[in-house]
Amino acid sequence: MPMNRITFNTEQCGGRPCIRGMRIRVKDVLDLLAAGVSDKEILEDFPYLEAEDIKACLVYAAAAADHTVLAAS
């Protein structure tokens, strides 16, 4: 399951979600993808990452964006 690749540690990266306990944040990978960097390029630049890590970041982002927004009336 991709989500077990996302870890949280209050002593690391300010408690932000990271990949497999490493000091690379989910946000770092998402920022690269948003900038148009391909999966292949990310994996070449960060050889300790795996394709499943990138997928886990996308699954995490999708889950984080799926919440109800209540509007004040």
PDB file of N, CA and C in Angstrom:
ATOM      1  N   MET A   1       0.850  -1.191   0.000  1.00  0.00           N
ATOM      2  CA  MET A   1       0.000   0.000   0.000  1.00  0.00           C
ATOM      3  C   MET A   1       0.888   1.245   0.000  1.00  0.00           C
ATOM      4  N   PRO A   2       0.628   2.186  -0.880  1.00  0.00           N
ATOM      5  CA  PRO A   2       1.491   3.365  -1.001  1.00  0.00           C
ATOM      6  C   PRO A   2       1.565   4.226   0.260  1.00  0.00           C
ATOM      7  N   MET A   3       0.479   4.292   1.012  1.00  0.00           N
ATOM      8  CA  MET A   3       0.465   5.224   2.149  1.00  0.00           C
ATOM      9  C   MET A   3       1.427   4.823   3.257  1.00  0.00           C
ATOM     10  N   ASN A   4       1.857   3.570   3.336  1.00  0.00           N
ATOM     11  CA  ASN A   4       2.800   3.208   4.394  1.00  0.00           C
ATOM     12  C   ASN A   4       4.195   3.753   4.096  1.00  0.00           C
ATOM     13  N   ARG A   5       4.383   4.335   2.943  1.00  0.00           N
ATOM     14  CA  ARG A   5       5.658   4.960   2.588  1.00  0.00           C
ATOM     15  C   ARG A   5       5.755   6.387   3.127  1.00  0.00           C
ATOM     16  N   ILE A   6       4.638   6.947   3.550  1.00  0.00           N
ATOM     17  CA  ILE A   6       4.618   8.319   4.074  1.00  0.00           C
ATOM     18  C   ILE A   6       4.755   8.235   5.587  1.00  0.00           C
ATOM     19  N   THR A   7       5.777   8.921   6.106  1.00  0.00           N
ATOM     20  CA  THR A   7       6.053   8.862   7.543  1.00  0.00           C
ATOM     21  C   THR A   7       6.021  10.259   8.154  1.00  0.00           C
ATOM     22  N   PHE A   8       5.802  10.286   9.446  1.00  0.00           N
ATOM     23  CA  PHE A   8       5.759  11.535  10.205  1.00  0.00           C
ATOM     24  C   PHE A   8       6.662  11.386  11.419  1.00  0.00           C
ATOM     25  N   ASN A   9       7.505  12.380  11.645  1.00  0.00           N
ATOM     26  CA  ASN A   9       8.394  12.381  12.797  1.00  0.00           C
ATOM     27  C   ASN A   9       8.526  13.819  13.253  1.00  0.00           C
ATOM     28  N   THR A  10       8.099  14.106  14.466  1.00  0.00           N
ATOM     29  CA  THR A  10       8.137  15.482  14.966  1.00  0.00           C
ATOM     30  C   THR A  10       9.553  16.032  15.053  1.00  0.00           C
ATOM     31  N   GLU A  11      10.539  15.145  15.068  1.00  0.00           N
ATOM     32  CA  GLU A  11      11.941  15.557  15.165  1.00  0.00           C
ATOM     33  C   GLU A  11      12.600  15.743  13.793  1.00  0.00           C
ATOM     34  N   GLN A  12      11.839  15.563  12.742  1.00  0.00           N
ATOM     35  CA  GLN A  12      12.399  15.604  11.393  1.00  0.00           C
ATOM     36  C   GLN A  12      11.528  16.477  10.493  1.00  0.00           C
ATOM     37  N   CYS A  13      12.149  17.405   9.803  1.00  0.00           N
ATOM     38  CA  CYS A  13      11.449  18.269   8.834  1.00  0.00           C
ATOM     39  C   CYS A  13      10.220  18.936   9.456  1.00  0.00           C
ATOM     40  N   GLY A  14      10.317  19.297  10.709  1.00  0.00           N
ATOM     41  CA  GLY A  14       9.218  19.993  11.377  1.00  0.00           C
ATOM     42  C   GLY A  14       7.945  19.180  11.494  1.00  0.00           C
ATOM     43  N   GLY A  15       8.068  17.858  11.440  1.00  0.00           N
ATOM     44  CA  GLY A  15       6.897  17.004  11.554  1.00  0.00           C
ATOM     45  C   GLY A  15       6.113  16.864  10.264  1.00  0.00           C
ATOM     46  N   ARG A  16       6.623  17.453   9.191  1.00  0.00           N
ATOM     47  CA  ARG A  16       5.931  17.354   7.906  1.00  0.00           C
ATOM     48  C   ARG A  16       6.052  15.936   7.351  1.00  0.00           C
ATOM     49  N   PRO A  17       5.087  15.541   6.507  1.00  0.00           N
ATOM     50  CA  PRO A  17       5.142  14.191   5.946  1.00  0.00           C
ATOM     51  C   PRO A  17       6.367  14.004   5.051  1.00  0.00           C
ATOM     52  N   CYS A  18       7.067  12.898   5.280  1.00  0.00           N
ATOM     53  CA  CYS A  18       8.288  12.566   4.529  1.00  0.00           C
ATOM     54  C   CYS A  18       8.131  11.188   3.904  1.00  0.00           C
ATOM     55  N   ILE A  19       9.100  10.835   3.112  1.00  0.00           N
ATOM     56  CA  ILE A  19       9.076   9.543   2.441  1.00  0.00           C
ATOM     57  C   ILE A  19       9.985   8.562   3.173  1.00  0.00           C
ATOM     58  N   ARG A  20       9.385   7.487   3.641  1.00  0.00           N
ATOM     59  CA  ARG A  20      10.087   6.372   4.281  1.00  0.00           C
ATOM     60  C   ARG A  20      11.137   6.805   5.300  1.00  0.00           C
ATOM     61  N   GLY A  21      10.827   7.816   6.095  1.00  0.00           N
ATOM     62  CA  GLY A  21      11.734   8.239   7.157  1.00  0.00           C
ATOM     63  C   GLY A  21      12.929   9.037   6.681  1.00  0.00           C
ATOM     64  N   MET A  22      13.018   9.283   5.390  1.00  0.00           N
ATOM     65  CA  MET A  22      14.130  10.082   4.862  1.00  0.00           C
ATOM     66  C   MET A  22      13.795  11.566   4.995  1.00  0.00           C
ATOM     67  N   ARG A  23      14.767  12.372   4.785  1.00  0.00           N
ATOM     68  CA  ARG A  23      14.562  13.812   4.885  1.00  0.00           C
ATOM     69  C   ARG A  23      14.154  14.425   3.546  1.00  0.00           C
ATOM     70  N   ILE A  24      13.299  13.739   2.851  1.00  0.00           N
ATOM     71  CA  ILE A  24      12.688  14.320   1.657  1.00  0.00           C
ATOM     72  C   ILE A  24      11.186  14.349   1.895  1.00  0.00           C
ATOM     73  N   ARG A  25      10.659  15.562   1.849  1.00  0.00           N
ATOM     74  CA  ARG A  25       9.254  15.761   2.178  1.00  0.00           C
ATOM     75  C   ARG A  25       8.358  15.416   0.993  1.00  0.00           C
ATOM     76  N   VAL A  26       7.144  15.044   1.302  1.00  0.00           N
ATOM     77  CA  VAL A  26       6.139  14.826   0.271  1.00  0.00           C
ATOM     78  C   VAL A  26       6.014  16.080  -0.577  1.00  0.00           C
ATOM     79  N   LYS A  27       6.032  17.229   0.065  1.00  0.00           N
ATOM     80  CA  LYS A  27       5.912  18.502  -0.644  1.00  0.00           C
ATOM     81  C   LYS A  27       7.036  18.690  -1.660  1.00  0.00           C
ATOM     82  N   ASP A  28       8.232  18.242  -1.341  1.00  0.00           N
ATOM     83  CA  ASP A  28       9.357  18.375  -2.279  1.00  0.00           C
ATOM     84  C   ASP A  28       9.066  17.631  -3.583  1.00  0.00           C
ATOM     85  N   VAL A  29       8.566  16.423  -3.453  1.00  0.00           N
ATOM     86  CA  VAL A  29       8.249  15.621  -4.638  1.00  0.00           C
ATOM     87  C   VAL A  29       7.088  16.250  -5.397  1.00  0.00           C
ATOM     88  N   LEU A  30       6.066  16.689  -4.682  1.00  0.00           N
ATOM     89  CA  LEU A  30       4.920  17.310  -5.339  1.00  0.00           C
ATOM     90  C   LEU A  30       5.322  18.599  -6.054  1.00  0.00           C
ATOM     91  N   ASP A  31       6.204  19.378  -5.444  1.00  0.00           N
ATOM     92  CA  ASP A  31       6.684  20.598  -6.089  1.00  0.00           C
ATOM     93  C   ASP A  31       7.421  20.286  -7.390  1.00  0.00           C
ATOM     94  N   LEU A  32       8.235  19.237  -7.376  1.00  0.00           N
ATOM     95  CA  LEU A  32       8.950  18.841  -8.592  1.00  0.00           C
ATOM     96  C   LEU A  32       7.966  18.421  -9.680  1.00  0.00           C
ATOM     97  N   LEU A  33       6.989  17.623  -9.324  1.00  0.00           N
ATOM     98  CA  LEU A  33       5.988  17.191 -10.295  1.00  0.00           C
ATOM     99  C   LEU A  33       5.210  18.385 -10.844  1.00  0.00           C
ATOM    100  N   ALA A  34       4.846  19.307  -9.970  1.00  0.00           N
ATOM    101  CA  ALA A  34       4.100  20.499 -10.396  1.00  0.00           C
ATOM    102  C   ALA A  34       4.924  21.378 -11.333  1.00  0.00           C
ATOM    103  N   ALA A  35       6.239  21.342 -11.166  1.00  0.00           N
ATOM    104  CA  ALA A  35       7.127  22.133 -12.022  1.00  0.00           C
ATOM    105  C   ALA A  35       7.385  21.447 -13.362  1.00  0.00           C
ATOM    106  N   GLY A  36       6.807  20.260 -13.544  1.00  0.00           N
ATOM    107  CA  GLY A  36       6.947  19.571 -14.814  1.00  0.00           C
ATOM    108  C   GLY A  36       8.087  18.575 -14.884  1.00  0.00           C
ATOM    109  N   VAL A  37       8.727  18.315 -13.745  1.00  0.00           N
ATOM    110  CA  VAL A  37       9.807  17.334 -13.712  1.00  0.00           C
ATOM    111  C   VAL A  37       9.166  15.943 -13.806  1.00  0.00           C
ATOM    112  N   SER A  38       9.686  15.109 -14.676  1.00  0.00           N
ATOM    113  CA  SER A  38       9.100  13.781 -14.870  1.00  0.00           C
ATOM    114  C   SER A  38       9.494  12.838 -13.736  1.00  0.00           C
ATOM    115  N   ASP A  39       8.712  11.791 -13.583  1.00  0.00           N
ATOM    116  CA  ASP A  39       9.038  10.748 -12.601  1.00  0.00           C
ATOM    117  C   ASP A  39      10.454  10.238 -12.850  1.00  0.00           C
ATOM    118  N   LYS A  40      10.757   9.998 -14.107  1.00  0.00           N
ATOM    119  CA  LYS A  40      12.073   9.460 -14.473  1.00  0.00           C
ATOM    120  C   LYS A  40      13.190  10.391 -14.009  1.00  0.00           C
ATOM    121  N   GLU A  41      13.017  11.698 -14.225  1.00  0.00           N
ATOM    122  CA  GLU A  41      14.039  12.665 -13.801  1.00  0.00           C
ATOM    123  C   GLU A  41      14.183  12.689 -12.284  1.00  0.00           C
ATOM    124  N   ILE A  42      13.072  12.628 -11.585  1.00  0.00           N
ATOM    125  CA  ILE A  42      13.115  12.630 -10.120  1.00  0.00           C
ATOM    126  C   ILE A  42      13.886  11.409  -9.630  1.00  0.00           C
ATOM    127  N   LEU A  43      13.593  10.267 -10.195  1.00  0.00           N
ATOM    128  CA  LEU A  43      14.269   9.029  -9.775  1.00  0.00           C
ATOM    129  C   LEU A  43      15.752   9.045 -10.127  1.00  0.00           C
ATOM    130  N   GLU A  44      16.118   9.716 -11.217  1.00  0.00           N
ATOM    131  CA  GLU A  44      17.537   9.849 -11.573  1.00  0.00           C
ATOM    132  C   GLU A  44      18.256  10.792 -10.614  1.00  0.00           C
ATOM    133  N   ASP A  45      17.576  11.892 -10.250  1.00  0.00           N
ATOM    134  CA  ASP A  45      18.188  12.886  -9.362  1.00  0.00           C
ATOM    135  C   ASP A  45      18.234  12.426  -7.908  1.00  0.00           C
ATOM    136  N   PHE A  46      17.309  11.573  -7.525  1.00  0.00           N
ATOM    137  CA  PHE A  46      17.219  11.064  -6.156  1.00  0.00           C
ATOM    138  C   PHE A  46      17.200   9.533  -6.213  1.00  0.00           C
ATOM    139  N   PRO A  47      18.349   8.903  -6.408  1.00  0.00           N
ATOM    140  CA  PRO A  47      18.389   7.454  -6.628  1.00  0.00           C
ATOM    141  C   PRO A  47      17.886   6.610  -5.461  1.00  0.00           C
ATOM    142  N   TYR A  48      17.762   7.201  -4.287  1.00  0.00           N
ATOM    143  CA  TYR A  48      17.246   6.465  -3.135  1.00  0.00           C
ATOM    144  C   TYR A  48      15.725   6.445  -3.113  1.00  0.00           C
ATOM    145  N   LEU A  49      15.078   7.188  -4.015  1.00  0.00           N
ATOM    146  CA  LEU A  49      13.622   7.135  -4.139  1.00  0.00           C
ATOM    147  C   LEU A  49      13.241   6.016  -5.093  1.00  0.00           C
ATOM    148  N   GLU A  50      12.013   5.551  -4.946  1.00  0.00           N
ATOM    149  CA  GLU A  50      11.462   4.516  -5.806  1.00  0.00           C
ATOM    150  C   GLU A  50      10.172   5.036  -6.433  1.00  0.00           C
ATOM    151  N   ALA A  51       9.784   4.442  -7.546  1.00  0.00           N
ATOM    152  CA  ALA A  51       8.564   4.872  -8.235  1.00  0.00           C
ATOM    153  C   ALA A  51       7.353   4.833  -7.303  1.00  0.00           C
ATOM    154  N   GLU A  52       7.304   3.854  -6.417  1.00  0.00           N
ATOM    155  CA  GLU A  52       6.192   3.756  -5.463  1.00  0.00           C
ATOM    156  C   GLU A  52       6.172   4.941  -4.494  1.00  0.00           C
ATOM    157  N   ASP A  53       7.316   5.540  -4.233  1.00  0.00           N
ATOM    158  CA  ASP A  53       7.365   6.727  -3.362  1.00  0.00           C
ATOM    159  C   ASP A  53       6.639   7.894  -4.022  1.00  0.00           C
ATOM    160  N   ILE A  54       6.858   8.063  -5.315  1.00  0.00           N
ATOM    161  CA  ILE A  54       6.196   9.151  -6.047  1.00  0.00           C
ATOM    162  C   ILE A  54       4.689   8.913  -6.056  1.00  0.00           C
ATOM    163  N   LYS A  55       4.293   7.679  -6.313  1.00  0.00           N
ATOM    164  CA  LYS A  55       2.871   7.342  -6.289  1.00  0.00           C
ATOM    165  C   LYS A  55       2.278   7.611  -4.910  1.00  0.00           C
ATOM    166  N   ALA A  56       3.003   7.260  -3.866  1.00  0.00           N
ATOM    167  CA  ALA A  56       2.519   7.488  -2.502  1.00  0.00           C
ATOM    168  C   ALA A  56       2.306   8.979  -2.238  1.00  0.00           C
ATOM    169  N   CYS A  57       3.175   9.820  -2.759  1.00  0.00           N
ATOM    170  CA  CYS A  57       3.019  11.271  -2.593  1.00  0.00           C
ATOM    171  C   CYS A  57       1.735  11.751  -3.254  1.00  0.00           C
ATOM    172  N   LEU A  58       1.451  11.240  -4.433  1.00  0.00           N
ATOM    173  CA  LEU A  58       0.227  11.626  -5.132  1.00  0.00           C
ATOM    174  C   LEU A  58      -1.016  11.122  -4.409  1.00  0.00           C
ATOM    175  N   VAL A  59      -0.964   9.907  -3.901  1.00  0.00           N
ATOM    176  CA  VAL A  59      -2.097   9.362  -3.144  1.00  0.00           C
ATOM    177  C   VAL A  59      -2.314  10.186  -1.873  1.00  0.00           C
ATOM    178  N   TYR A  60      -1.223  10.536  -1.204  1.00  0.00           N
ATOM    179  CA  TYR A  60      -1.317  11.342   0.012  1.00  0.00           C
ATOM    180  C   TYR A  60      -1.935  12.707  -0.298  1.00  0.00           C
ATOM    181  N   ALA A  61      -1.481  13.346  -1.370  1.00  0.00           N
ATOM    182  CA  ALA A  61      -2.006  14.666  -1.742  1.00  0.00           C
ATOM    183  C   ALA A  61      -3.488  14.587  -2.091  1.00  0.00           C
ATOM    184  N   ALA A  62      -3.867  13.553  -2.803  1.00  0.00           N
ATOM    185  CA  ALA A  62      -5.277  13.395  -3.159  1.00  0.00           C
ATOM    186  C   ALA A  62      -6.139  13.223  -1.906  1.00  0.00           C
ATOM    187  N   ALA A  63      -5.666  12.421  -0.976  1.00  0.00           N
ATOM    188  CA  ALA A  63      -6.417  12.212   0.270  1.00  0.00           C
ATOM    189  C   ALA A  63      -6.485  13.484   1.094  1.00  0.00           C
ATOM    190  N   ALA A  64      -5.387  14.249   1.111  1.00  0.00           N
ATOM    191  CA  ALA A  64      -5.354  15.491   1.888  1.00  0.00           C
ATOM    192  C   ALA A  64      -6.296  16.548   1.301  1.00  0.00           C
ATOM    193  N   ALA A  65      -6.504  16.502  -0.005  1.00  0.00           N
ATOM    194  CA  ALA A  65      -7.360  17.483  -0.667  1.00  0.00           C
ATOM    195  C   ALA A  65      -8.836  17.105  -0.581  1.00  0.00           C
ATOM    196  N   ASP A  66      -9.135  15.909  -0.148  1.00  0.00           N
ATOM    197  CA  ASP A  66     -10.505  15.420  -0.111  1.00  0.00           C
ATOM    198  C   ASP A  66     -11.129  15.649   1.257  1.00  0.00           C
ATOM    199  N   HIS A  67     -11.527  16.892   1.481  1.00  0.00           N
ATOM    200  CA  HIS A  67     -12.196  17.202   2.747  1.00  0.00           C
ATOM    201  C   HIS A  67     -13.309  18.197   2.486  1.00  0.00           C
ATOM    202  N   THR A  68     -14.263  18.183   3.348  1.00  0.00           N
ATOM    203  CA  THR A  68     -15.410  19.069   3.213  1.00  0.00           C
ATOM    204  C   THR A  68     -15.029  20.495   3.589  1.00  0.00           C
ATOM    205  N   VAL A  69     -15.500  21.445   2.809  1.00  0.00           N
ATOM    206  CA  VAL A  69     -15.294  22.851   3.110  1.00  0.00           C
ATOM    207  C   VAL A  69     -16.647  23.440   3.464  1.00  0.00           C
ATOM    208  N   LEU A  70     -16.725  23.990   4.644  1.00  0.00           N
ATOM    209  CA  LEU A  70     -17.979  24.610   5.095  1.00  0.00           C
ATOM    210  C   LEU A  70     -17.901  26.101   4.865  1.00  0.00           C
ATOM    211  N   ALA A  71     -18.919  26.640   4.236  1.00  0.00           N
ATOM    212  CA  ALA A  71     -18.968  28.072   3.962  1.00  0.00           C
ATOM    213  C   ALA A  71     -19.872  28.738   4.991  1.00  0.00           C
ATOM    214  N   ALA A  72     -19.400  29.852   5.500  1.00  0.00           N
ATOM    215  CA  ALA A  72     -20.225  30.624   6.446  1.00  0.00           C
ATOM    216  C   ALA A  72     -21.308  31.347   5.661  1.00  0.00           C
ATOM    217  N   SER A  73     -22.493  31.405   6.230  1.00  0.00           N
ATOM    218  CA  SER A  73     -23.550  32.102   5.527  1.00  0.00           C
ATOM    219  C   SER A  73     -23.994  33.323   6.283  1.00  0.00           C
TER     220      SER A  73
END
